[in-house]
Amino acid sequence: MTARRLMLGAGVAIIVAIWVLSLMPSPPYVPGGDKWHHGVAYAGCTLWWCLALATWRQRRIAMIALVGMGAVIEVLQGASGYRYFELADIAANTAGVLCGAILATLLPLSPRASLR
């Protein structure tokens, strides 16, 4: 298995983890504020995907998809009956996506170069 496939597979695993943790009835307790968790999760996911994808076009599509994913998860949480819909969570997710993208552009040496 190539390094590129491992990066992409790990990125999918991160997305699955976000879905599972976001939709489970009682998420595990993690110290810190809820919005902070949203921001860190989406920043980390975005950073990972920005490093795994080869072009800025692909990265922009991933960023848009992650913002959309966060909104869909919030709607599903509201419909679940045991979690709540919050616009502030969507804002925190979006801020995390932007922070992750900014971090990806600031890294001096990108692992992408070795994945081709």
Foldseek 3Di string as FASTA:
>chain_A
DAPLVVLVVVLVVLVVVCLCQLPDLDHDDDPDDPLVVLLQSLLVSLLSVLLSDDDVVSSVVVLVVQLVVQQVSLVVQCVVVRGHRDPSSSVSNNNSNVNSVVVNVPDPDGPSVVRD
